[in-house]
N, C-alpha and C. Protein backbone atom coordinates (compact mmCIF):
# COMPACT_ATOMS: atom_id res chain seq x y z
N MET A 1 -65.11 80.93 110.50
CA MET A 1 -65.29 79.50 110.36
C MET A 1 -66.56 79.07 111.09
N ASN A 2 -67.15 78.06 110.59
CA ASN A 2 -68.38 77.54 111.17
C ASN A 2 -68.14 76.11 111.64
N TYR A 3 -68.10 75.93 112.95
CA TYR A 3 -67.89 74.61 113.51
C TYR A 3 -69.21 74.05 114.01
N GLY A 4 -69.53 72.87 113.61
CA GLY A 4 -70.74 72.22 114.08
C GLY A 4 -72.02 72.80 113.51
N GLY A 5 -71.90 73.65 112.51
CA GLY A 5 -73.08 74.18 111.86
C GLY A 5 -73.78 75.31 112.58
N CYS A 6 -73.32 75.70 113.78
CA CYS A 6 -74.06 76.73 114.51
C CYS A 6 -73.58 78.13 114.20
N GLY A 7 -72.32 78.29 113.83
CA GLY A 7 -71.80 79.60 113.50
C GLY A 7 -71.61 80.52 114.69
N CYS A 8 -71.86 80.04 115.91
CA CYS A 8 -71.80 80.91 117.08
C CYS A 8 -70.41 80.98 117.72
N CYS A 9 -69.57 80.01 117.48
CA CYS A 9 -68.27 79.98 118.15
C CYS A 9 -67.18 79.64 117.14
N ALA A 10 -66.09 80.38 117.18
CA ALA A 10 -64.99 80.09 116.27
C ALA A 10 -64.23 78.85 116.71
N MET A 11 -64.19 78.61 118.01
CA MET A 11 -63.48 77.43 118.51
C MET A 11 -64.36 76.72 119.52
N ARG A 12 -64.46 75.45 119.37
CA ARG A 12 -65.28 74.65 120.27
C ARG A 12 -64.61 73.31 120.48
N PHE A 13 -64.70 72.74 121.67
CA PHE A 13 -64.15 71.42 121.91
C PHE A 13 -65.21 70.54 122.55
N THR A 14 -65.00 69.26 122.47
CA THR A 14 -65.94 68.31 123.03
C THR A 14 -65.57 68.03 124.48
N SER A 15 -66.56 68.03 125.35
CA SER A 15 -66.34 67.70 126.75
C SER A 15 -67.56 66.96 127.26
N THR A 16 -67.39 66.29 128.37
CA THR A 16 -68.48 65.55 128.99
C THR A 16 -68.67 66.08 130.39
N ASP A 17 -69.88 66.42 130.74
CA ASP A 17 -70.17 66.92 132.08
C ASP A 17 -70.63 65.75 132.97
N PHE A 18 -69.66 65.04 133.51
CA PHE A 18 -69.96 63.87 134.34
C PHE A 18 -70.80 64.23 135.56
N ASN A 19 -70.73 65.49 136.01
CA ASN A 19 -71.52 65.87 137.17
C ASN A 19 -73.02 65.81 136.87
N SER A 20 -73.43 65.78 135.61
CA SER A 20 -74.84 65.64 135.27
C SER A 20 -75.31 64.19 135.33
N TYR A 21 -74.38 63.24 135.43
CA TYR A 21 -74.73 61.83 135.42
C TYR A 21 -75.05 61.28 136.80
N VAL A 22 -74.80 62.05 137.85
CA VAL A 22 -74.99 61.55 139.21
C VAL A 22 -76.26 62.12 139.81
N THR A 23 -76.77 61.45 140.84
CA THR A 23 -78.00 61.90 141.48
C THR A 23 -77.74 62.70 142.75
N VAL A 24 -76.50 62.67 143.26
CA VAL A 24 -76.15 63.40 144.47
C VAL A 24 -75.26 64.59 144.08
N ASN A 25 -75.68 65.78 144.45
CA ASN A 25 -74.91 66.98 144.18
C ASN A 25 -73.87 67.16 145.30
N THR A 26 -72.58 66.99 144.99
CA THR A 26 -71.53 67.05 146.00
C THR A 26 -70.83 68.41 146.07
N ALA A 27 -71.20 69.35 145.21
CA ALA A 27 -70.58 70.68 145.23
C ALA A 27 -71.54 71.70 144.65
N ASP A 28 -71.49 72.89 145.19
CA ASP A 28 -72.24 74.01 144.64
C ASP A 28 -71.29 74.79 143.73
N GLY A 29 -71.82 75.36 142.66
CA GLY A 29 -71.01 76.17 141.77
C GLY A 29 -70.32 75.40 140.66
N ALA A 30 -70.54 74.09 140.58
CA ALA A 30 -69.92 73.29 139.52
C ALA A 30 -70.55 73.67 138.18
N PRO A 31 -69.80 73.51 137.08
CA PRO A 31 -70.37 73.83 135.77
C PRO A 31 -71.64 73.02 135.52
N ARG A 32 -72.60 73.65 134.90
CA ARG A 32 -73.86 72.99 134.57
C ARG A 32 -74.14 73.13 133.08
N ARG A 33 -74.81 72.14 132.56
CA ARG A 33 -75.18 72.17 131.15
C ARG A 33 -76.53 72.90 131.02
N GLU A 34 -76.58 73.87 130.14
CA GLU A 34 -77.83 74.58 129.85
C GLU A 34 -77.98 74.71 128.34
N HIS A 35 -79.04 74.14 127.82
CA HIS A 35 -79.32 74.20 126.38
C HIS A 35 -78.17 73.63 125.55
N GLY A 36 -77.53 72.57 126.07
CA GLY A 36 -76.46 71.91 125.32
C GLY A 36 -75.09 72.53 125.47
N PHE A 37 -74.95 73.56 126.29
CA PHE A 37 -73.66 74.23 126.48
C PHE A 37 -73.29 74.24 127.96
N MET A 38 -71.99 74.22 128.24
CA MET A 38 -71.51 74.33 129.61
C MET A 38 -70.70 75.60 129.74
N SER A 39 -70.72 76.15 130.95
CA SER A 39 -69.87 77.32 131.22
C SER A 39 -69.37 77.23 132.65
N ALA A 40 -68.22 77.82 132.88
CA ALA A 40 -67.63 77.83 134.21
C ALA A 40 -68.33 78.87 135.07
N SER A 41 -68.20 78.71 136.35
CA SER A 41 -68.78 79.64 137.30
C SER A 41 -68.10 81.00 137.20
N SER A 42 -68.83 82.04 137.50
CA SER A 42 -68.24 83.38 137.54
C SER A 42 -67.78 83.75 138.94
N ASP A 43 -67.93 82.83 139.90
CA ASP A 43 -67.48 83.05 141.27
C ASP A 43 -65.96 83.04 141.34
N PRO A 44 -65.36 83.62 142.40
CA PRO A 44 -63.90 83.63 142.54
C PRO A 44 -63.29 82.23 142.53
N VAL A 45 -62.04 82.17 142.18
CA VAL A 45 -61.24 80.94 142.06
C VAL A 45 -61.92 80.04 141.04
N LEU A 46 -62.22 78.81 141.36
CA LEU A 46 -62.94 77.93 140.44
C LEU A 46 -64.44 78.04 140.61
N GLY A 47 -64.87 78.63 141.71
CA GLY A 47 -66.29 78.79 141.95
C GLY A 47 -66.97 77.55 142.47
N ILE A 48 -66.18 76.53 142.79
CA ILE A 48 -66.75 75.27 143.27
C ILE A 48 -66.61 75.20 144.79
N ARG A 49 -67.73 74.97 145.46
CA ARG A 49 -67.75 74.86 146.92
C ARG A 49 -68.22 73.46 147.30
N PRO A 50 -67.30 72.61 147.79
CA PRO A 50 -67.67 71.25 148.17
C PRO A 50 -68.74 71.25 149.27
N ARG A 51 -69.65 70.31 149.19
CA ARG A 51 -70.70 70.15 150.20
C ARG A 51 -70.30 69.03 151.14
N SER A 52 -69.81 69.40 152.31
CA SER A 52 -69.35 68.41 153.30
C SER A 52 -70.48 67.48 153.72
N ASP A 53 -71.70 67.98 153.79
CA ASP A 53 -72.82 67.14 154.20
C ASP A 53 -73.07 66.02 153.19
N ALA A 54 -72.79 66.25 151.92
CA ALA A 54 -73.00 65.23 150.89
C ALA A 54 -71.77 64.33 150.75
N LEU A 55 -70.58 64.87 151.01
CA LEU A 55 -69.36 64.08 150.86
C LEU A 55 -69.08 63.15 152.03
N GLY A 56 -69.51 63.55 153.22
CA GLY A 56 -69.26 62.72 154.40
C GLY A 56 -67.89 63.03 155.00
N PRO A 57 -67.47 62.21 155.98
CA PRO A 57 -66.19 62.47 156.66
C PRO A 57 -65.00 62.23 155.74
N ARG A 58 -63.89 62.89 156.06
CA ARG A 58 -62.65 62.71 155.29
C ARG A 58 -62.16 61.26 155.40
N VAL A 59 -61.61 60.78 154.33
CA VAL A 59 -61.03 59.45 154.32
C VAL A 59 -59.53 59.54 154.57
N VAL A 60 -58.88 60.57 154.00
CA VAL A 60 -57.44 60.78 154.15
C VAL A 60 -57.21 62.26 154.45
N ASN A 61 -56.30 62.53 155.38
CA ASN A 61 -55.92 63.90 155.69
C ASN A 61 -54.45 64.06 155.38
N VAL A 62 -54.10 64.81 154.35
CA VAL A 62 -52.72 64.99 153.92
C VAL A 62 -52.22 66.32 154.47
N ARG A 63 -51.05 66.27 155.13
CA ARG A 63 -50.47 67.50 155.69
C ARG A 63 -49.21 67.87 154.97
């Protein structure tokens, strides 16, 4: 099957990379858009490492 005319993927879904809309990078390893496509990190777990320096102090601490 050919979805979207590209023929490269049998299954494709629409998503929005909201992290591309902001000017402050709050995490390293977040998915990035390259040439119109997004992919998840290959790092362990989700591959996302929050940047405490950009996020600032905690607002709520849940135990």
